[in-house]
C-alpha atoms as a PDB file:
ATOM      1  CA  MET A   1      77.090  74.050  75.456  1.00  0.00           C
ATOM      2  CA  ASP A   2      76.545  76.033  72.595  1.00  0.00           C
ATOM      3  CA  ASP A   3      78.708  78.808  71.232  1.00  0.00           C
ATOM      4  CA  GLN A   4      76.353  81.430  72.239  1.00  0.00           C
ATOM      5  CA  THR A   5      75.698  80.553  75.500  1.00  0.00           C
ATOM      6  CA  LYS A   6      79.519  80.128  76.306  1.00  0.00           C
ATOM      7  CA  LEU A   7      80.065  84.051  74.908  1.00  0.00           C
ATOM      8  CA  GLU A   8      76.953  84.784  77.150  1.00  0.00           C
ATOM      9  CA  ILE A   9      78.545  83.409  80.338  1.00  0.00           C
ATOM     10  CA  GLU A  10      82.388  84.400  79.415  1.00  0.00           C
ATOM     11  CA  ALA A  11      80.910  87.864  79.110  1.00  0.00           C
ATOM     12  CA  ALA A  12      79.107  87.850  82.429  1.00  0.00           C
ATOM     13  CA  ALA A  13      82.268  86.645  83.936  1.00  0.00           C
ATOM     14  CA  PHE A  14      84.277  89.391  82.566  1.00  0.00           C
ATOM     15  CA  ARG A  15      81.836  92.029  83.989  1.00  0.00           C
ATOM     16  CA  ARG A  16      81.850  90.366  87.143  1.00  0.00           C
ATOM     17  CA  LEU A  17      85.434  90.678  87.257  1.00  0.00           C
ATOM     18  CA  GLN A  18      85.321  94.370  86.066  1.00  0.00           C
ATOM     19  CA  GLN A  19      82.839  94.958  89.002  1.00  0.00           C
ATOM     20  CA  HIS A  20      85.183  93.510  91.469  1.00  0.00           C
ATOM     21  CA  LEU A  21      88.135  95.468  90.631  1.00  0.00           C
ATOM     22  CA  MET A  22      86.567  98.792  89.571  1.00  0.00           C
ATOM     23  CA  GLN A  23      84.303  98.753  92.517  1.00  0.00           C
ATOM     24  CA  ASP A  24      84.525  96.087  95.058  1.00  0.00           C
ATOM     25  CA  ARG A  25      88.177  96.740  95.454  1.00  0.00           C
ATOM     26  CA  THR A  26      89.495  99.988  94.224  1.00  0.00           C
ATOM     27  CA  ASP A  27      91.865  99.598  97.319  1.00  0.00           C
ATOM     28  CA  VAL A  28      94.021  97.052  95.391  1.00  0.00           C
ATOM     29  CA  GLN A  29      96.707  99.189  93.139  1.00  0.00           C
ATOM     30  CA  ASN A  30      97.503  98.105  89.873  1.00  0.00           C
ATOM     31  CA  ILE A  31     101.056  97.991  90.730  1.00  0.00           C
ATOM     32  CA  ASP A  32     100.709  95.267  93.165  1.00  0.00           C
ATOM     33  CA  MET A  33      98.697  93.291  90.650  1.00  0.00           C
ATOM     34  CA  MET A  34     101.343  93.681  87.942  1.00  0.00           C
ATOM     35  CA  ASN A  35     103.935  92.568  90.262  1.00  0.00           C
ATOM     36  CA  LEU A  36     101.891  89.527  91.574  1.00  0.00           C
ATOM     37  CA  ALA A  37      99.801  88.422  88.397  1.00  0.00           C
ATOM     38  CA  GLY A  38     101.352  90.196  85.596  1.00  0.00           C
ATOM     39  CA  PHE A  39      98.344  92.133  84.242  1.00  0.00           C
ATOM     40  CA  CYS A  40      96.510  94.843  85.907  1.00  0.00           C
ATOM     41  CA  ARG A  41      93.301  97.461  85.020  1.00  0.00           C
ATOM     42  CA  ASN A  42      95.443  98.746  82.191  1.00  0.00           C
ATOM     43  CA  CYS A  43      95.986  95.654  80.746  1.00  0.00           C
ATOM     44  CA  LEU A  44      92.443  94.514  80.856  1.00  0.00           C
ATOM     45  CA  SER A  45      91.621  98.064  79.082  1.00  0.00           C
ATOM     46  CA  ARG A  46      94.144  97.220  76.510  1.00  0.00           C
ATOM     47  CA  TRP A  47      93.264  93.915  75.835  1.00  0.00           C
ATOM     48  CA  TYR A  48      89.472  95.890  75.253  1.00  0.00           C
ATOM     49  CA  GLN A  49      91.039  98.072  72.638  1.00  0.00           C
ATOM     50  CA  GLU A  50      92.577  95.233  70.884  1.00  0.00           C
ATOM     51  CA  ALA A  51      89.626  93.669  70.933  1.00  0.00           C
ATOM     52  CA  ALA A  52      87.440  96.308  69.424  1.00  0.00           C
ATOM     53  CA  ASN A  53      90.157  96.965  67.104  1.00  0.00           C
ATOM     54  CA  GLU A  54      90.104  93.498  65.550  1.00  0.00           C
ATOM     55  CA  ARG A  55      86.793  93.925  64.700  1.00  0.00           C
ATOM     56  CA  GLY A  56      87.341  97.188  63.212  1.00  0.00           C
ATOM     57  CA  ILE A  57      86.096  99.248  66.097  1.00  0.00           C
ATOM     58  CA  GLU A  58      88.569 102.539  66.306  1.00  0.00           C
ATOM     59  CA  MET A  59      89.017 102.980  70.121  1.00  0.00           C
ATOM     60  CA  THR A  60      92.339 104.760  71.477  1.00  0.00           C
ATOM     61  CA  LYS A  61      94.015 103.786  74.568  1.00  0.00           C
ATOM     62  CA  ASP A  62      92.132 106.623  76.664  1.00  0.00           C
ATOM     63  CA  GLU A  63      88.974 105.972  75.324  1.00  0.00           C
ATOM     64  CA  ALA A  64      89.293 101.988  76.181  1.00  0.00           C
ATOM     65  CA  ARG A  65      90.790 102.923  79.882  1.00  0.00           C
ATOM     66  CA  GLU A  66      87.786 105.188  80.282  1.00  0.00           C
ATOM     67  CA  THR A  67      84.968 102.623  79.133  1.00  0.00           C
ATOM     68  CA  TYR A  68      87.009  99.874  81.628  1.00  0.00           C
ATOM     69  CA  TYR A  69      87.424 102.178  84.486  1.00  0.00           C
ATOM     70  CA  GLY A  70      84.033 103.995  83.977  1.00  0.00           C
ATOM     71  CA  MET A  71      85.930 107.309  84.079  1.00  0.00           C
ATOM     72  CA  THR A  72      89.167 109.139  82.971  1.00  0.00           C
ATOM     73  CA  MET A  73      92.741 107.805  84.312  1.00  0.00           C
ATOM     74  CA  ALA A  74      93.050 111.035  86.040  1.00  0.00           C
ATOM     75  CA  GLU A  75      89.952 110.482  87.828  1.00  0.00           C
ATOM     76  CA  TRP A  76      91.075 107.123  88.770  1.00  0.00           C
ATOM     77  CA  LYS A  77      94.452 108.279  89.871  1.00  0.00           C
ATOM     78  CA  ALA A  78      92.864 111.205  92.208  1.00  0.00           C
ATOM     79  CA  ASN A  79      90.363 109.214  93.788  1.00  0.00           C
ATOM     80  CA  TYR A  80      92.145 105.748  94.127  1.00  0.00           C
ATOM     81  CA  GLN A  81      96.004 105.470  93.153  1.00  0.00           C
ATOM     82  CA  THR A  82      98.268 105.610  96.380  1.00  0.00           C
ATOM     83  CA  ASP A  83     102.721 106.205  95.778  1.00  0.00           C
ATOM     84  CA  ALA A  84     104.346 102.913  95.418  1.00  0.00           C
ATOM     85  CA  SER A  85     107.059 102.599  97.223  1.00  0.00           C
ATOM     86  CA  PRO A  86     111.005 102.390  95.358  1.00  0.00           C
ATOM     87  CA  GLU A  87     110.781  98.698  95.626  1.00  0.00           C
ATOM     88  CA  LYS A  88     107.329  98.504  93.973  1.00  0.00           C
ATOM     89  CA  GLN A  89     108.648 100.580  91.208  1.00  0.00           C
ATOM     90  CA  GLU A  90     111.796  98.295  90.936  1.00  0.00           C
ATOM     91  CA  ALA A  91     109.407  95.145  90.605  1.00  0.00           C
ATOM     92  CA  PHE A  92     107.256  96.885  88.158  1.00  0.00           C
ATOM     93  CA  LYS A  93     109.814  97.424  85.674  1.00  0.00           C
ATOM     94  CA  THR A  94     110.425  93.716  86.002  1.00  0.00           C
ATOM     95  CA  ALA A  95     106.814  92.630  85.471  1.00  0.00           C
ATOM     96  CA  PHE A  96     106.329  95.122  82.980  1.00  0.00           C
ATOM     97  CA  ALA A  97     108.922  93.651  80.780  1.00  0.00           C
ATOM     98  CA  GLU A  98     108.167  90.416  81.613  1.00  0.00           C
ATOM     99  CA  ASN A  99     104.458  90.556  80.935  1.00  0.00           C
ATOM    100  CA  VAL A 100     103.769  93.354  78.154  1.00  0.00           C
ATOM    101  CA  GLY A 101     106.899  94.468  76.755  1.00  0.00           C
ATOM    102  CA  LYS A 102     109.835  96.934  77.019  1.00  0.00           C
ATOM    103  CA  ALA A 103     108.161 100.210  77.798  1.00  0.00           C
END
């Protein structure tokens, strides 16, 4: 497989993951993803921001989230986010520290 084809396939897989998380499975909460997998939608938007910044494209955290989510974080939270139990919140602290770093 040539490099361009590989790049296109990787991009298509990323777009499909984004669709899955942003349209098909809005019921899955970020906190559950982070606690189980060590990443969530916010991580994906941060990685998007980092990739843009590495290429000299200025992008803030909020801009990256809006690009990835297709809406502002306030809109996402109002439409899809549910309250997390104290147990999930405690597990999140550990998962965040292990996978992202200290808050």
